[in-house]
C-alpha atoms as a PDB file:
ATOM      1  CA  MET A   1     -39.880 -11.430  -0.083  1.00  0.00           C
ATOM      2  CA  LYS A   2     -39.477 -12.210   3.883  1.00  0.00           C
ATOM      3  CA  ILE A   3     -39.066 -15.460   5.584  1.00  0.00           C
ATOM      4  CA  THR A   4     -42.078 -16.538   7.363  1.00  0.00           C
ATOM      5  CA  LYS A   5     -42.656 -18.928  10.249  1.00  0.00           C
ATOM      6  CA  GLU A   6     -43.793 -21.822   7.975  1.00  0.00           C
ATOM      7  CA  LEU A   7     -40.446 -21.410   5.974  1.00  0.00           C
ATOM      8  CA  TYR A   8     -38.504 -21.339   8.836  1.00  0.00           C
ATOM      9  CA  ASN A   9     -39.833 -24.310  10.360  1.00  0.00           C
ATOM     10  CA  LEU A  10     -39.496 -26.553   7.043  1.00  0.00           C
ATOM     11  CA  MET A  11     -35.802 -25.628   6.738  1.00  0.00           C
ATOM     12  CA  LYS A  12     -34.963 -26.199  10.210  1.00  0.00           C
ATOM     13  CA  GLU A  13     -36.963 -29.588  10.208  1.00  0.00           C
ATOM     14  CA  ALA A  14     -35.407 -30.724   7.072  1.00  0.00           C
ATOM     15  CA  GLY A  15     -31.921 -29.497   7.824  1.00  0.00           C
ATOM     16  CA  ILE A  16     -31.658 -31.274  10.865  1.00  0.00           C
ATOM     17  CA  LYS A  17     -33.114 -34.422   9.374  1.00  0.00           C
ATOM     18  CA  ASN A  18     -30.979 -34.394   6.371  1.00  0.00           C
ATOM     19  CA  TYR A  19     -27.856 -33.331   7.914  1.00  0.00           C
ATOM     20  CA  PRO A  20     -24.941 -33.621   6.975  1.00  0.00           C
ATOM     21  CA  LYS A  21     -26.689 -33.479   3.304  1.00  0.00           C
ATOM     22  CA  GLU A  22     -27.904 -30.067   2.255  1.00  0.00           C
ATOM     23  CA  SER A  23     -31.659 -29.891   2.187  1.00  0.00           C
ATOM     24  CA  CYS A  24     -33.619 -27.853  -0.287  1.00  0.00           C
ATOM     25  CA  GLY A  25     -36.826 -26.604  -1.877  1.00  0.00           C
ATOM     26  CA  LEU A  26     -38.770 -24.311  -3.668  1.00  0.00           C
ATOM     27  CA  ILE A  27     -41.573 -21.799  -2.693  1.00  0.00           C
ATOM     28  CA  TYR A  28     -44.829 -21.470  -4.779  1.00  0.00           C
ATOM     29  CA  LYS A  29     -47.268 -18.990  -4.777  1.00  0.00           C
ATOM     30  CA  LYS A  30     -51.129 -19.495  -3.724  1.00  0.00           C
ATOM     31  CA  GLY A  31     -53.205 -16.561  -3.418  1.00  0.00           C
ATOM     32  CA  LYS A  32     -51.185 -14.017  -1.583  1.00  0.00           C
ATOM     33  CA  LYS A  33     -49.034 -16.655   0.265  1.00  0.00           C
ATOM     34  CA  GLY A  34     -46.002 -18.125  -0.470  1.00  0.00           C
ATOM     35  CA  ILE A  35     -46.068 -22.117   0.315  1.00  0.00           C
ATOM     36  CA  PRO A  36     -42.727 -23.582   0.890  1.00  0.00           C
ATOM     37  CA  VAL A  37     -42.075 -27.285   0.070  1.00  0.00           C
ATOM     38  CA  GLU A  38     -39.114 -29.620   0.396  1.00  0.00           C
ATOM     39  CA  CYS A  39     -37.356 -30.993  -2.783  1.00  0.00           C
ATOM     40  CA  LYS A  40     -34.846 -34.147  -2.947  1.00  0.00           C
ATOM     41  CA  ASN A  41     -31.360 -32.879  -3.195  1.00  0.00           C
ATOM     42  CA  ILE A  42     -29.900 -35.212  -6.395  1.00  0.00           C
ATOM     43  CA  SER A  43     -26.414 -33.313  -6.310  1.00  0.00           C
ATOM     44  CA  SER A  44     -23.686 -35.912  -6.461  1.00  0.00           C
ATOM     45  CA  GLU A  45     -21.843 -33.811  -3.668  1.00  0.00           C
ATOM     46  CA  PRO A  46     -24.928 -33.372  -1.410  1.00  0.00           C
ATOM     47  CA  GLU A  47     -22.696 -32.521   1.546  1.00  0.00           C
ATOM     48  CA  HIS A  48     -21.610 -29.238  -0.336  1.00  0.00           C
ATOM     49  CA  ASN A  49     -24.085 -28.535  -2.969  1.00  0.00           C
ATOM     50  CA  PHE A  50     -27.702 -28.852  -3.823  1.00  0.00           C
ATOM     51  CA  LEU A  51     -29.646 -29.760  -7.095  1.00  0.00           C
ATOM     52  CA  ILE A  52     -33.197 -29.900  -7.313  1.00  0.00           C
ATOM     53  CA  SER A  53     -34.475 -32.249 -10.339  1.00  0.00           C
ATOM     54  CA  ALA A  54     -36.460 -30.997 -13.015  1.00  0.00           C
ATOM     55  CA  SER A  55     -39.074 -33.431 -11.837  1.00  0.00           C
ATOM     56  CA  ASP A  56     -39.482 -31.770  -8.635  1.00  0.00           C
ATOM     57  CA  TYR A  57     -39.601 -28.379 -10.054  1.00  0.00           C
ATOM     58  CA  ALA A  58     -42.498 -29.421 -12.325  1.00  0.00           C
ATOM     59  CA  GLU A  59     -44.208 -30.902  -9.807  1.00  0.00           C
ATOM     60  CA  THR A  60     -44.017 -27.760  -7.795  1.00  0.00           C
ATOM     61  CA  LEU A  61     -44.775 -25.464 -10.871  1.00  0.00           C
ATOM     62  CA  CYS A  62     -48.065 -27.297 -11.213  1.00  0.00           C
ATOM     63  CA  LYS A  63     -49.162 -26.085  -7.822  1.00  0.00           C
ATOM     64  CA  GLY A  64     -48.617 -22.291  -8.612  1.00  0.00           C
ATOM     65  CA  GLU A  65     -46.081 -19.776  -9.736  1.00  0.00           C
ATOM     66  CA  ILE A  66     -42.591 -20.437  -8.180  1.00  0.00           C
ATOM     67  CA  ILE A  67     -41.418 -17.396  -6.531  1.00  0.00           C
ATOM     68  CA  GLY A  68     -38.527 -18.422  -4.058  1.00  0.00           C
ATOM     69  CA  ALA A  69     -35.936 -21.362  -3.372  1.00  0.00           C
ATOM     70  CA  TRP A  70     -34.399 -22.297  -0.256  1.00  0.00           C
ATOM     71  CA  HIS A  71     -31.703 -24.382   0.854  1.00  0.00           C
ATOM     72  CA  THR A  72     -29.203 -25.137   3.747  1.00  0.00           C
ATOM     73  CA  HIS A  73     -25.307 -25.012   4.532  1.00  0.00           C
ATOM     74  CA  CYS A  74     -23.666 -27.670   6.757  1.00  0.00           C
ATOM     75  CA  ASN A  75     -21.082 -26.711   9.177  1.00  0.00           C
ATOM     76  CA  CYS A  76     -20.797 -23.164   7.927  1.00  0.00           C
ATOM     77  CA  ASP A  77     -22.694 -20.207   8.019  1.00  0.00           C
ATOM     78  CA  ALA A  78     -25.728 -18.983   5.775  1.00  0.00           C
ATOM     79  CA  LYS A  79     -23.460 -16.324   3.971  1.00  0.00           C
ATOM     80  CA  PRO A  80     -24.302 -16.977   0.261  1.00  0.00           C
ATOM     81  CA  SER A  81     -21.219 -18.513  -1.976  1.00  0.00           C
ATOM     82  CA  ASP A  82     -20.422 -17.293  -5.398  1.00  0.00           C
ATOM     83  CA  ALA A  83     -22.509 -20.392  -6.506  1.00  0.00           C
ATOM     84  CA  ASP A  84     -25.408 -19.179  -4.639  1.00  0.00           C
ATOM     85  CA  ARG A  85     -25.250 -15.529  -6.070  1.00  0.00           C
ATOM     86  CA  GLN A  86     -24.979 -16.753  -9.490  1.00  0.00           C
ATOM     87  CA  GLY A  87     -27.888 -19.459  -9.063  1.00  0.00           C
ATOM     88  CA  CYS A  88     -30.014 -16.799  -7.655  1.00  0.00           C
ATOM     89  CA  GLU A  89     -29.085 -14.595 -10.654  1.00  0.00           C
ATOM     90  CA  ASN A  90     -29.730 -17.667 -12.969  1.00  0.00           C
ATOM     91  CA  THR A  91     -33.239 -18.351 -11.651  1.00  0.00           C
ATOM     92  CA  GLU A  92     -34.455 -14.801 -11.129  1.00  0.00           C
ATOM     93  CA  LEU A  93     -35.712 -15.896  -7.679  1.00  0.00           C
ATOM     94  CA  THR A  94     -35.381 -14.878  -4.253  1.00  0.00           C
ATOM     95  CA  TRP A  95     -33.262 -17.322  -2.204  1.00  0.00           C
ATOM     96  CA  PHE A  96     -33.060 -18.249   1.342  1.00  0.00           C
ATOM     97  CA  ILE A  97     -30.240 -19.712   3.264  1.00  0.00           C
ATOM     98  CA  GLY A  98     -30.207 -21.384   6.466  1.00  0.00           C
ATOM     99  CA  GLU A  99     -27.014 -23.165   8.466  1.00  0.00           C
ATOM    100  CA  VAL A 100     -26.993 -26.530  10.288  1.00  0.00           C
ATOM    101  CA  HIS A 101     -24.582 -27.418  12.795  1.00  0.00           C
ATOM    102  CA  LYS A 102     -23.428 -30.108  15.029  1.00  0.00           C
ATOM    103  CA  ASN A 103     -22.104 -29.457  18.469  1.00  0.00           C
ATOM    104  CA  ASP A 104     -19.387 -30.747  20.712  1.00  0.00           C
ATOM    105  CA  LYS A 105     -22.103 -33.252  22.251  1.00  0.00           C
ATOM    106  CA  GLY A 106     -23.235 -34.541  18.923  1.00  0.00           C
ATOM    107  CA  GLU A 107     -26.282 -32.656  18.409  1.00  0.00           C
ATOM    108  CA  VAL A 108     -27.519 -31.087  15.267  1.00  0.00           C
ATOM    109  CA  TYR A 109     -28.973 -27.966  15.681  1.00  0.00           C
ATOM    110  CA  PHE A 110     -30.505 -25.153  13.212  1.00  0.00           C
ATOM    111  CA  GLY A 111     -28.666 -21.742  13.367  1.00  0.00           C
ATOM    112  CA  GLU A 112     -30.689 -18.869  14.109  1.00  0.00           C
ATOM    113  CA  ASN A 113     -29.429 -16.990  11.003  1.00  0.00           C
ATOM    114  CA  VAL A 114     -31.034 -17.165   7.733  1.00  0.00           C
ATOM    115  CA  GLU A 115     -29.861 -15.035   4.860  1.00  0.00           C
ATOM    116  CA  VAL A 116     -32.147 -13.691   2.255  1.00  0.00           C
ATOM    117  CA  LEU A 117     -30.709 -13.409  -1.186  1.00  0.00           C
ATOM    118  CA  ALA A 118     -32.295 -11.478  -4.307  1.00  0.00           C
ATOM    119  CA  PRO A 119     -30.825 -11.061  -7.846  1.00  0.00           C
ATOM    120  CA  THR A 120     -28.853  -7.931  -8.123  1.00  0.00           C
ATOM    121  CA  GLY A 121     -27.023  -8.477 -11.271  1.00  0.00           C
ATOM    122  CA  PHE A 122     -23.944 -10.404  -9.951  1.00  0.00           C
ATOM    123  CA  ALA A 123     -21.736 -12.129 -12.735  1.00  0.00           C
ATOM    124  CA  GLN A 124     -18.875 -14.552 -12.047  1.00  0.00           C
ATOM    125  CA  PRO A 125     -15.760 -13.903 -14.025  1.00  0.00           C
ATOM    126  CA  LEU A 126     -14.794 -16.518 -16.536  1.00  0.00           C
ATOM    127  CA  LEU A 127     -11.877 -17.483 -15.148  1.00  0.00           C
ATOM    128  CA  GLY A 128     -11.115 -18.755 -11.638  1.00  0.00           C
ATOM    129  CA  ARG A 129     -14.898 -20.548 -11.004  1.00  0.00           C
ATOM    130  CA  ASN A 130     -15.004 -23.221  -8.773  1.00  0.00           C
ATOM    131  CA  TYR A 131     -17.163 -25.874  -9.934  1.00  0.00           C
ATOM    132  CA  CYS A 132     -20.584 -26.512  -8.878  1.00  0.00           C
ATOM    133  CA  TYR A 133     -22.827 -28.550 -11.671  1.00  0.00           C
ATOM    134  CA  GLY A 134     -25.584 -26.620 -12.980  1.00  0.00           C
ATOM    135  CA  THR A 135     -24.274 -23.408 -11.761  1.00  0.00           C
ATOM    136  CA  PHE A 136     -20.658 -23.494 -12.512  1.00  0.00           C
ATOM    137  CA  ASP A 137     -19.833 -26.118 -15.192  1.00  0.00           C
ATOM    138  CA  CYS A 138     -18.351 -26.525 -18.970  1.00  0.00           C
ATOM    139  CA  TYR A 139     -21.969 -25.494 -20.311  1.00  0.00           C
ATOM    140  CA  THR A 140     -22.547 -22.527 -18.193  1.00  0.00           C
ATOM    141  CA  LEU A 141     -19.305 -21.098 -18.791  1.00  0.00           C
ATOM    142  CA  LEU A 142     -19.880 -21.634 -22.565  1.00  0.00           C
ATOM    143  CA  ARG A 143     -23.305 -20.096 -22.091  1.00  0.00           C
ATOM    144  CA  ASP A 144     -21.610 -17.177 -20.248  1.00  0.00           C
ATOM    145  CA  TYR A 145     -18.610 -16.660 -22.515  1.00  0.00           C
ATOM    146  CA  TYR A 146     -21.111 -16.205 -25.710  1.00  0.00           C
ATOM    147  CA  LYS A 147     -23.196 -13.729 -24.000  1.00  0.00           C
ATOM    148  CA  GLN A 148     -20.072 -11.664 -22.964  1.00  0.00           C
ATOM    149  CA  GLU A 149     -18.168 -12.063 -26.370  1.00  0.00           C
ATOM    150  CA  TYR A 150     -21.284 -12.227 -28.820  1.00  0.00           C
ATOM    151  CA  SER A 151     -24.281 -10.956 -26.989  1.00  0.00           C
ATOM    152  CA  ILE A 152     -26.195 -14.424 -27.801  1.00  0.00           C
ATOM    153  CA  ASP A 153     -28.025 -16.129 -25.256  1.00  0.00           C
ATOM    154  CA  LEU A 154     -27.712 -19.808 -25.364  1.00  0.00           C
ATOM    155  CA  GLY A 155     -30.581 -20.085 -22.709  1.00  0.00           C
ATOM    156  CA  GLU A 156     -30.541 -22.710 -19.912  1.00  0.00           C
ATOM    157  CA  TRP A 157     -32.438 -25.934 -19.164  1.00  0.00           C
ATOM    158  CA  GLU A 158     -33.439 -27.960 -16.309  1.00  0.00           C
ATOM    159  CA  ARG A 159     -30.850 -30.690 -16.388  1.00  0.00           C
ATOM    160  CA  GLU A 160     -30.087 -33.622 -13.934  1.00  0.00           C
ATOM    161  CA  GLU A 161     -26.083 -34.610 -13.338  1.00  0.00           C
ATOM    162  CA  ASP A 162     -24.591 -36.785 -16.205  1.00  0.00           C
ATOM    163  CA  PRO A 163     -27.297 -36.701 -18.387  1.00  0.00           C
ATOM    164  CA  TRP A 164     -24.956 -37.947 -21.176  1.00  0.00           C
ATOM    165  CA  LEU A 165     -25.094 -41.355 -19.391  1.00  0.00           C
ATOM    166  CA  ASN A 166     -28.963 -41.695 -20.081  1.00  0.00           C
ATOM    167  CA  GLU A 167     -29.037 -40.162 -23.751  1.00  0.00           C
ATOM    168  CA  ASP A 168     -26.830 -41.273 -26.567  1.00  0.00           C
ATOM    169  CA  ASN A 169     -25.253 -38.196 -28.377  1.00  0.00           C
ATOM    170  CA  TYR A 170     -26.362 -35.751 -25.693  1.00  0.00           C
ATOM    171  CA  PHE A 171     -23.757 -33.186 -26.082  1.00  0.00           C
ATOM    172  CA  GLU A 172     -24.271 -33.347 -29.882  1.00  0.00           C
ATOM    173  CA  ASN A 173     -27.854 -33.201 -29.868  1.00  0.00           C
ATOM    174  CA  LYS A 174     -27.547 -30.068 -27.643  1.00  0.00           C
ATOM    175  CA  ALA A 175     -25.058 -28.431 -29.856  1.00  0.00           C
ATOM    176  CA  LYS A 176     -27.522 -28.795 -32.727  1.00  0.00           C
ATOM    177  CA  GLU A 177     -30.272 -27.296 -30.627  1.00  0.00           C
ATOM    178  CA  LEU A 178     -28.144 -24.393 -29.700  1.00  0.00           C
ATOM    179  CA  GLY A 179     -27.633 -23.289 -33.089  1.00  0.00           C
ATOM    180  CA  PHE A 180     -23.904 -25.037 -33.459  1.00  0.00           C
ATOM    181  CA  GLU A 181     -22.851 -26.720 -36.960  1.00  0.00           C
ATOM    182  CA  LEU A 182     -20.320 -29.509 -37.325  1.00  0.00           C
ATOM    183  CA  ILE A 183     -16.946 -28.137 -38.563  1.00  0.00           C
ATOM    184  CA  ASN A 184     -13.824 -29.651 -40.452  1.00  0.00           C
ATOM    185  CA  GLY A 185     -11.329 -27.611 -40.605  1.00  0.00           C
ATOM    186  CA  GLU A 186      -9.015 -25.108 -38.512  1.00  0.00           C
ATOM    187  CA  PRO A 187     -10.571 -23.557 -35.522  1.00  0.00           C
ATOM    188  CA  ARG A 188     -11.554 -19.922 -35.185  1.00  0.00           C
ATOM    189  CA  LYS A 189     -12.186 -18.005 -31.982  1.00  0.00           C
ATOM    190  CA  GLY A 190     -15.631 -18.898 -30.485  1.00  0.00           C
ATOM    191  CA  ASP A 191     -15.573 -22.513 -32.018  1.00  0.00           C
ATOM    192  CA  ILE A 192     -16.220 -25.186 -29.601  1.00  0.00           C
ATOM    193  CA  PHE A 193     -14.718 -28.999 -29.064  1.00  0.00           C
ATOM    194  CA  LEU A 194     -16.801 -31.681 -27.679  1.00  0.00           C
ATOM    195  CA  ILE A 195     -14.447 -33.618 -25.615  1.00  0.00           C
ATOM    196  CA  GLN A 196     -14.701 -37.323 -24.284  1.00  0.00           C
ATOM    197  CA  ILE A 197     -13.114 -37.748 -20.468  1.00  0.00           C
ATOM    198  CA  GLY A 198     -15.079 -40.491 -19.313  1.00  0.00           C
ATOM    199  CA  PRO A 199     -15.691 -43.987 -20.517  1.00  0.00           C
ATOM    200  CA  SER A 200     -17.887 -43.572 -23.494  1.00  0.00           C
ATOM    201  CA  GLY A 201     -19.189 -40.401 -25.515  1.00  0.00           C
ATOM    202  CA  ALA A 202     -18.872 -36.795 -25.652  1.00  0.00           C
ATOM    203  CA  ASP A 203     -19.061 -35.445 -21.809  1.00  0.00           C
ATOM    204  CA  HIS A 204     -17.166 -32.025 -21.781  1.00  0.00           C
ATOM    205  CA  VAL A 205     -17.172 -29.048 -24.139  1.00  0.00           C
ATOM    206  CA  ALA A 206     -14.404 -26.441 -24.455  1.00  0.00           C
ATOM    207  CA  ILE A 207     -14.311 -22.911 -26.329  1.00  0.00           C
ATOM    208  CA  TYR A 208     -11.487 -22.183 -28.496  1.00  0.00           C
ATOM    209  CA  VAL A 209     -10.207 -18.629 -27.603  1.00  0.00           C
ATOM    210  CA  GLY A 210      -7.707 -18.350 -30.042  1.00  0.00           C
ATOM    211  CA  GLU A 211      -3.778 -18.707 -29.907  1.00  0.00           C
ATOM    212  CA  ASP A 212      -3.876 -22.470 -29.569  1.00  0.00           C
ATOM    213  CA  LYS A 213      -5.815 -22.209 -26.243  1.00  0.00           C
ATOM    214  CA  ILE A 214      -9.143 -23.383 -24.725  1.00  0.00           C
ATOM    215  CA  LEU A 215     -11.257 -22.245 -22.035  1.00  0.00           C
ATOM    216  CA  HIS A 216     -13.086 -24.535 -20.186  1.00  0.00           C
ATOM    217  CA  HIS A 217     -14.090 -25.969 -16.716  1.00  0.00           C
ATOM    218  CA  ILE A 218     -14.046 -29.545 -15.346  1.00  0.00           C
ATOM    219  CA  ASN A 219     -14.940 -31.009 -11.954  1.00  0.00           C
ATOM    220  CA  GLY A 220     -12.219 -30.394  -9.254  1.00  0.00           C
ATOM    221  CA  ARG A 221     -10.832 -27.439 -11.055  1.00  0.00           C
ATOM    222  CA  LEU A 222     -11.240 -23.962 -11.320  1.00  0.00           C
ATOM    223  CA  SER A 223     -12.277 -22.660 -14.762  1.00  0.00           C
ATOM    224  CA  ASN A 224      -8.945 -21.880 -16.668  1.00  0.00           C
ATOM    225  CA  THR A 225      -7.382 -21.728 -20.117  1.00  0.00           C
ATOM    226  CA  ASP A 226      -5.084 -24.714 -21.368  1.00  0.00           C
ATOM    227  CA  VAL A 227      -2.897 -25.161 -24.627  1.00  0.00           C
ATOM    228  CA  TYR A 228      -5.162 -27.180 -27.159  1.00  0.00           C
ATOM    229  CA  GLY A 229      -2.814 -28.437 -29.892  1.00  0.00           C
ATOM    230  CA  GLY A 230      -0.956 -31.716 -29.356  1.00  0.00           C
ATOM    231  CA  SER A 231      -2.417 -31.816 -25.727  1.00  0.00           C
ATOM    232  CA  TYR A 232      -4.710 -34.047 -24.030  1.00  0.00           C
ATOM    233  CA  TRP A 233      -7.826 -32.143 -24.993  1.00  0.00           C
ATOM    234  CA  GLN A 234      -6.991 -32.332 -28.690  1.00  0.00           C
ATOM    235  CA  ILE A 235      -6.489 -36.183 -28.544  1.00  0.00           C
ATOM    236  CA  ARG A 236      -9.722 -36.454 -26.448  1.00  0.00           C
ATOM    237  CA  THR A 237     -11.670 -34.359 -28.887  1.00  0.00           C
ATOM    238  CA  LEU A 238     -14.467 -36.137 -30.693  1.00  0.00           C
ATOM    239  CA  SER A 239     -15.979 -32.910 -32.732  1.00  0.00           C
ATOM    240  CA  HIS A 240     -15.425 -29.246 -33.768  1.00  0.00           C
ATOM    241  CA  TRP A 241     -18.502 -26.910 -34.039  1.00  0.00           C
ATOM    242  CA  ARG A 242     -18.957 -23.407 -34.969  1.00  0.00           C
ATOM    243  CA  HIS A 243     -22.028 -21.233 -34.083  1.00  0.00           C
ATOM    244  CA  LYS A 244     -24.265 -20.268 -37.109  1.00  0.00           C
ATOM    245  CA  ASN A 245     -24.296 -16.579 -35.809  1.00  0.00           C
ATOM    246  CA  VAL A 246     -20.373 -16.304 -35.147  1.00  0.00           C
ATOM    247  CA  ASN A 247     -18.464 -15.129 -38.147  1.00  0.00           C
END
């Protein structure tokens, strides 16, 4: 895909209008044309990230096949971040990235450079990831670990931030859907722990990787391993699960 005048103009208009928040949208196919649309950025940190809601995605999909996505960077160049590259891989779509700046006179302007990003097979290492909800978070780390270690594809779903606040037992229900079964016993490599960090219910998942260590990713920290036994993480664990296809 190539950037069209229509897409460029929409990115420019939305980027300037929404600055200093990132703008975002999708591109759907109509006949032989790609039609760009603007979507609402529902990220909790819209100055640094973007997140398109499931409802906006579904609404666009009703108009035609989704063939691309676009967003803007604010106060930095359009060069794709690791989160951009991984997001592009996850969606299997062509991404377009623009840049919006403010000059010394306080004027907001759209940069001339627009980066075009296509899936290439990029895969971010499990350790040392920057947190970006929906692209690099505790679930995507679990998904990537299982694909790498066990060739099990846990899949992905459209999700808004903090869904456990709107649905009771959100993590427990998802664990069952993904093929995990509740365990009461000593942990084995590949088991997962559902952990409560916030005020109510499970809101975090960690993977037991052996030698009394867990692999996990929390907001504000790079993905890493921590000691489990006797630690904060064990104290805050609500339940212990094992996938039915991992022996």
